[in-house]
């Protein structure tokens, strides 16, 4: 496979996964905002900017932090690369470059997501319209996942999945870190109703509420949520699962190419370290510091993948 084609497939996976994540993040922040009084509600939206690393871009607009301003900024704004609309557009451009490698169903899901932003409701002016658009994006990203699962298992699918799993690892780390940025309303205690609602919303964002109830019988605790999203490999969106999947996909690609490289070594080292990681140790040493370190390491793996496969 040409390196240019591999690069387009990899970025298709990353951008469409990122669109799904931002959609889930905005939806979660709407819920957190509804649970919070001001200024805690404003802190929820400020945290969404922090997690997506778009604080500086939003600051140039000179607008106050609110559900309308930040929600629109992360959903339909084309002035920065961190909006759902920009991610969907970038995914579609990469899909067009590799159109013959995709099935009709995979292309249709991407194209329908792109067409959502050409509809009258694609300029959300209230929460209801914004959530309707987000639901549409989530439906199409799930449709794309289903289409990919039914495609021939070859380099096309492996590069898309590699992009998805690298992006998913980054997203889960950032989503878990959102709790670090959130402030409880004045007078609320850690472990209180608002605190539990915030942790529940984190689980809802990654569709893990039922999985959590199956795995943990002691009720909702921050330590258990952290354990689920970091160390439980049976949870598809956990950091451990993403680390393991990256190794598996790189092994498949190496088997086809007949050689291993820098990215394989980095991915295996990360997976082996994750298998020894205990969430209690992470909490004791500092969750925020751990997640920041993981995000940097994931960026290094991304760069190594680009060098190994000579992405343009």
Protein backbone atom coordinates (compact mmCIF):
# COMPACT_ATOMS: atom_id res chain seq x y z
CA UNK A 1 0.00 0.00 0.00
CA UNK A 2 1.25 3.51 -0.85
CA UNK A 3 2.29 5.53 2.19
CA UNK A 4 -0.01 8.35 1.05
CA UNK A 5 -3.00 5.98 1.07
CA UNK A 6 -2.01 4.56 4.47
CA UNK A 7 -1.74 8.08 5.86
CA UNK A 8 -5.21 9.03 4.58
CA UNK A 9 -6.76 5.90 6.10
CA UNK A 10 -5.00 6.47 9.43
CA UNK A 11 -6.17 10.09 9.59
CA UNK A 12 -9.67 9.10 8.52
CA UNK A 13 -9.80 6.88 11.60
CA UNK A 14 -8.41 9.61 13.85
CA UNK A 15 -10.65 12.43 12.63
CA UNK A 16 -13.89 10.46 12.70
CA UNK A 17 -13.08 9.10 16.16
CA UNK A 18 -12.31 12.66 17.29
CA UNK A 19 -15.64 13.92 15.94
CA UNK A 20 -17.40 11.25 17.98
CA UNK A 21 -15.41 12.18 21.10
CA UNK A 22 -16.12 15.91 20.83
CA UNK A 23 -19.80 15.15 20.28
CA UNK A 24 -19.83 13.02 23.43
CA UNK A 25 -17.88 15.68 25.34
CA UNK A 26 -20.29 18.47 24.39
CA UNK A 27 -23.25 16.27 25.30
CA UNK A 28 -21.64 15.46 28.67
CA UNK A 29 -20.87 19.12 29.34
CA UNK A 30 -24.48 20.08 28.65
CA UNK A 31 -25.50 17.60 31.34
CA UNK A 32 -22.86 18.86 33.75
CA UNK A 33 -23.97 22.43 33.10
CA UNK A 34 -27.55 21.50 33.92
CA UNK A 35 -26.38 19.95 37.20
CA UNK A 36 -24.34 22.99 38.21
CA UNK A 37 -25.11 26.45 39.44
CA UNK A 38 -23.15 29.45 38.22
CA UNK A 39 -20.20 29.85 38.19
CA UNK A 40 -19.74 26.06 38.33
CA UNK A 41 -21.68 25.74 35.06
CA UNK A 42 -19.22 28.09 33.40
CA UNK A 43 -16.38 25.98 34.80
CA UNK A 44 -17.88 22.93 33.08
CA UNK A 45 -17.68 24.63 29.69
CA UNK A 46 -14.22 26.01 30.44
CA UNK A 47 -13.14 22.44 31.19
CA UNK A 48 -14.42 21.31 27.78
CA UNK A 49 -12.16 23.91 26.17
CA UNK A 50 -9.25 22.71 28.30
CA UNK A 51 -9.79 19.06 27.39
CA UNK A 52 -9.93 19.83 23.65
CA UNK A 53 -6.98 22.24 23.93
CA UNK A 54 -9.00 25.04 22.32
CA UNK A 55 -8.81 27.65 25.10
CA UNK A 56 -6.52 29.97 23.14
CA UNK A 57 -8.62 29.74 19.97
CA UNK A 58 -11.81 30.50 21.89
CA UNK A 59 -10.12 33.37 23.73
CA UNK A 60 -9.54 35.24 20.47
CA UNK A 61 -13.31 35.54 20.03
CA UNK A 62 -13.70 37.75 23.09
CA UNK A 63 -16.92 35.98 24.13
CA UNK A 64 -18.00 34.95 27.60
CA UNK A 65 -17.88 31.26 28.45
CA UNK A 66 -21.42 29.88 28.18
CA UNK A 67 -23.28 26.88 26.79
CA UNK A 68 -24.26 28.82 23.66
CA UNK A 69 -20.82 30.25 22.88
CA UNK A 70 -18.66 27.23 23.72
CA UNK A 71 -21.24 24.70 22.49
CA UNK A 72 -21.39 26.37 19.10
CA UNK A 73 -17.62 26.80 19.05
CA UNK A 74 -17.02 23.08 19.58
CA UNK A 75 -19.83 21.98 17.30
CA UNK A 76 -20.05 24.05 14.12
CA UNK A 77 -17.27 26.65 14.18
CA UNK A 78 -14.95 26.37 11.16
CA UNK A 79 -12.29 28.80 12.41
CA UNK A 80 -10.34 26.15 14.34
CA UNK A 81 -9.60 22.42 13.92
CA UNK A 82 -11.21 21.37 17.21
CA UNK A 83 -14.87 21.50 16.18
CA UNK A 84 -17.03 18.54 15.20
CA UNK A 85 -17.71 20.09 11.81
CA UNK A 86 -14.00 20.53 11.00
CA UNK A 87 -13.25 16.95 12.10
CA UNK A 88 -16.04 15.51 9.96
CA UNK A 89 -14.89 17.55 6.99
CA UNK A 90 -11.27 16.38 7.45
CA UNK A 91 -12.44 12.77 7.75
CA UNK A 92 -14.44 13.10 4.53
CA UNK A 93 -11.48 14.59 2.64
CA UNK A 94 -9.31 11.65 3.69
CA UNK A 95 -12.10 9.23 2.79
CA UNK A 96 -12.40 10.78 -0.68
CA UNK A 97 -8.66 10.25 -1.19
CA UNK A 98 -9.15 6.52 -0.51
CA UNK A 99 -12.70 6.14 -1.81
CA UNK A 100 -12.03 2.92 -3.75
CA UNK A 101 -10.67 1.23 -0.60
CA UNK A 102 -13.90 1.80 1.35
CA UNK A 103 -17.20 -0.02 1.10
CA UNK A 104 -20.33 1.84 0.08
CA UNK A 105 -21.66 1.63 3.66
CA UNK A 106 -18.49 3.15 5.18
CA UNK A 107 -18.46 6.03 2.71
CA UNK A 108 -22.19 6.64 3.15
CA UNK A 109 -21.82 6.99 6.94
CA UNK A 110 -19.07 9.57 6.52
CA UNK A 111 -20.98 11.45 3.86
CA UNK A 112 -24.21 11.51 5.88
CA UNK A 113 -22.32 12.96 8.84
CA UNK A 114 -20.93 15.67 6.58
CA UNK A 115 -24.37 16.40 5.12
CA UNK A 116 -25.77 16.94 8.63
CA UNK A 117 -23.93 20.25 8.74
CA UNK A 118 -25.67 21.44 5.59
CA UNK A 119 -29.14 21.06 7.12
CA UNK A 120 -31.16 23.98 8.53
CA UNK A 121 -30.58 22.73 12.08
CA UNK A 122 -26.83 22.72 11.56
CA UNK A 123 -26.59 26.21 13.10
CA UNK A 124 -27.70 25.36 16.64
CA UNK A 125 -28.98 28.33 18.57
CA UNK A 126 -30.24 26.45 21.61
CA UNK A 127 -29.45 23.31 23.56
CA UNK A 128 -32.17 21.20 21.94
CA UNK A 129 -30.94 21.89 18.41
CA UNK A 130 -27.32 21.36 19.39
CA UNK A 131 -28.08 18.00 20.99
CA UNK A 132 -30.09 16.92 17.94
CA UNK A 133 -27.09 17.61 15.71
CA UNK A 134 -24.79 15.76 18.09
CA UNK A 135 -27.11 12.75 18.11
CA UNK A 136 -26.93 12.68 14.32
CA UNK A 137 -23.13 12.69 14.38
CA UNK A 138 -23.03 9.93 16.99
CA UNK A 139 -25.41 7.81 14.91
CA UNK A 140 -23.20 8.11 11.84
CA UNK A 141 -19.97 7.37 13.71
CA UNK A 142 -21.61 4.21 15.06
CA UNK A 143 -22.72 3.36 11.51
CA UNK A 144 -19.15 3.81 10.31
CA UNK A 145 -17.89 1.49 13.07
CA UNK A 146 -20.37 -1.15 11.95
CA UNK A 147 -19.38 -0.77 8.30
CA UNK A 148 -15.67 -1.12 9.14
CA UNK A 149 -16.40 -4.26 11.17
CA UNK A 150 -17.89 -5.88 8.05
CA UNK A 151 -15.03 -4.98 5.70
CA UNK A 152 -12.33 -7.34 4.50
CA UNK A 153 -9.59 -7.67 7.15
CA UNK A 154 -6.67 -6.10 5.36
CA UNK A 155 -4.40 -3.06 5.50
CA UNK A 156 -7.30 -0.69 4.80
CA UNK A 157 -9.13 -1.69 7.95
CA UNK A 158 -5.96 -1.98 10.01
CA UNK A 159 -4.79 1.57 9.27
CA UNK A 160 -8.26 2.98 10.01
CA UNK A 161 -8.41 1.05 13.28
CA UNK A 162 -4.87 2.12 14.18
CA UNK A 163 -5.90 5.76 13.80
CA UNK A 164 -9.02 5.12 15.85
CA UNK A 165 -7.22 3.42 18.71
CA UNK A 166 -4.47 6.06 18.97
CA UNK A 167 -7.14 8.77 18.98
CA UNK A 168 -9.31 6.86 21.48
CA UNK A 169 -6.43 6.52 23.94
CA UNK A 170 -5.86 10.27 23.80
CA UNK A 171 -9.58 11.00 24.13
CA UNK A 172 -10.14 8.76 27.15
CA UNK A 173 -7.19 10.28 28.97
CA UNK A 174 -8.48 13.79 28.25
CA UNK A 175 -12.04 12.89 29.19
CA UNK A 176 -10.95 11.42 32.52
CA UNK A 177 -8.84 14.50 33.12
CA UNK A 178 -11.92 16.71 32.66
CA UNK A 179 -12.87 15.87 36.24
CA UNK A 180 -9.58 17.39 37.38
CA UNK A 181 -10.62 20.71 35.81
CA UNK A 182 -14.17 20.68 37.18
CA UNK A 183 -15.04 22.59 40.31
CA UNK A 184 -17.77 21.55 42.70
CA UNK A 185 -20.33 24.25 43.52
CA UNK A 186 -19.58 26.13 46.71
CA UNK A 187 -20.80 24.17 49.72
CA UNK A 188 -20.77 20.83 47.89
CA UNK A 189 -18.51 18.12 49.25
CA UNK A 190 -16.41 15.51 47.49
CA UNK A 191 -18.54 12.39 47.31
CA UNK A 192 -21.75 14.39 47.49
CA UNK A 193 -24.64 14.36 45.04
CA UNK A 194 -23.08 16.77 42.52
CA UNK A 195 -19.73 14.98 42.68
CA UNK A 196 -21.39 11.61 41.99
CA UNK A 197 -23.43 13.11 39.15
CA UNK A 198 -20.25 14.43 37.55
CA UNK A 199 -18.58 11.00 37.70
CA UNK A 200 -21.74 9.37 36.34
CA UNK A 201 -21.68 11.78 33.41
CA UNK A 202 -18.10 10.75 32.64
CA UNK A 203 -19.30 7.13 32.45
CA UNK A 204 -22.25 8.09 30.26
CA UNK A 205 -19.90 9.80 27.83
CA UNK A 206 -18.06 6.54 27.14
CA UNK A 207 -21.23 4.39 27.33
CA UNK A 208 -19.88 2.63 30.41
CA UNK A 209 -22.65 2.95 33.00
CA UNK A 210 -23.85 -0.64 32.58
CA UNK A 211 -20.30 -1.99 32.35
CA UNK A 212 -19.45 -0.22 35.59
CA UNK A 213 -22.41 -1.79 37.38
CA UNK A 214 -21.38 -5.25 36.18
CA UNK A 215 -17.79 -4.88 37.35
CA UNK A 216 -18.17 -2.93 40.60
CA UNK A 217 -20.70 -3.87 43.25
CA UNK A 218 -19.80 -1.25 45.86
CA UNK A 219 -21.62 1.59 44.11
CA UNK A 220 -20.18 4.62 42.38
CA UNK A 221 -16.77 5.73 43.64
CA UNK A 222 -14.16 7.92 41.91
CA UNK A 223 -11.46 5.27 42.44
CA UNK A 224 -13.53 2.64 40.64
CA UNK A 225 -14.33 4.95 37.70
CA UNK A 226 -10.64 5.70 37.37
CA UNK A 227 -9.83 1.98 37.54
CA UNK A 228 -12.39 1.20 34.81
CA UNK A 229 -11.15 3.84 32.38
CA UNK A 230 -7.45 3.28 32.95
CA UNK A 231 -6.72 -0.33 33.87
CA UNK A 232 -9.63 -2.57 32.79
CA UNK A 233 -8.74 -3.98 29.37
CA UNK A 234 -12.22 -5.48 28.95
CA UNK A 235 -13.59 -1.95 28.72
CA UNK A 236 -13.16 -1.03 24.99
CA UNK A 237 -12.54 2.67 25.62
CA UNK A 238 -10.10 2.21 28.50
CA UNK A 239 -6.49 3.26 28.20
CA UNK A 240 -5.40 -0.35 28.78
CA UNK A 241 -7.64 -1.64 25.97
CA UNK A 242 -6.40 1.01 23.54
CA UNK A 243 -2.78 0.21 24.41
CA UNK A 244 -3.35 -3.49 23.82
CA UNK A 245 -5.23 -2.92 20.54
CA UNK A 246 -2.46 -0.71 19.15
CA UNK A 247 0.01 -3.58 19.60
CA UNK A 248 -2.35 -6.08 17.97
CA UNK A 249 -2.91 -3.89 14.90
CA UNK A 250 0.77 -3.05 14.50
CA UNK A 251 1.54 -6.80 14.67
CA UNK A 252 -0.94 -7.41 11.84
CA UNK A 253 0.67 -4.70 9.73
CA UNK A 254 4.15 -6.02 10.54
CA UNK A 255 3.06 -9.51 9.50
CA UNK A 256 1.98 -8.15 6.13
CA UNK A 257 5.15 -6.06 5.67
CA UNK A 258 7.46 -8.68 7.17
CA UNK A 259 9.20 -6.33 9.60
CA UNK A 260 8.79 -4.46 12.87
CA UNK A 261 9.85 -0.91 13.64
CA UNK A 262 10.06 1.89 16.17
CA UNK A 263 6.30 2.18 16.63
CA UNK A 264 5.98 -1.54 17.39
CA UNK A 265 8.61 -1.30 20.13
CA UNK A 266 7.02 1.76 21.69
CA UNK A 267 3.54 0.24 21.59
CA UNK A 268 4.72 -3.02 23.19
CA UNK A 269 6.57 -1.18 25.93
CA UNK A 270 3.45 0.88 26.69
CA UNK A 271 1.21 -2.19 26.72
CA UNK A 272 3.56 -4.07 29.06
CA UNK A 273 3.68 -1.11 31.41
CA UNK A 274 -0.11 -0.76 31.34
CA UNK A 275 -0.49 -4.42 32.31
CA UNK A 276 1.51 -3.66 35.46
CA UNK A 277 -0.35 -0.42 36.20
CA UNK A 278 -2.65 -0.34 39.22
CA UNK A 279 -5.17 2.46 39.47
CA UNK A 280 -4.49 2.86 43.20
CA UNK A 281 -0.86 3.68 42.43
CA UNK A 282 -1.96 6.17 39.77
CA UNK A 283 -4.23 7.97 42.23
CA UNK A 284 -1.55 8.00 44.92
CA UNK A 285 1.08 9.45 42.59
CA UNK A 286 -1.28 12.00 41.01
CA UNK A 287 -3.98 11.30 38.44
CA UNK A 288 -3.54 14.57 36.54
CA UNK A 289 0.22 14.09 36.24
CA UNK A 290 -0.24 10.49 35.08
CA UNK A 291 -2.75 11.46 32.39
CA UNK A 292 -0.60 14.32 31.12
CA UNK A 293 2.36 11.93 30.85
CA UNK A 294 0.24 9.37 29.01
CA UNK A 295 -1.02 11.96 26.51
CA UNK A 296 2.57 12.99 25.74
CA UNK A 297 3.59 9.36 25.29
CA UNK A 298 0.63 8.77 22.97
CA UNK A 299 1.75 11.73 20.87
CA UNK A 300 5.23 10.18 20.61
CA UNK A 301 3.69 6.88 19.45
CA UNK A 302 1.69 8.78 16.83
CA UNK A 303 4.88 10.41 15.55
CA UNK A 304 6.67 7.04 15.48
CA UNK A 305 3.83 5.53 13.43
CA UNK A 306 4.21 8.34 10.91
CA UNK A 307 7.94 7.72 10.59
CA UNK A 308 7.60 3.92 10.42
CA UNK A 309 5.07 4.02 7.60
CA UNK A 310 6.52 7.13 5.91
CA UNK A 311 3.29 9.14 6.14
CA UNK A 312 3.33 12.21 3.96
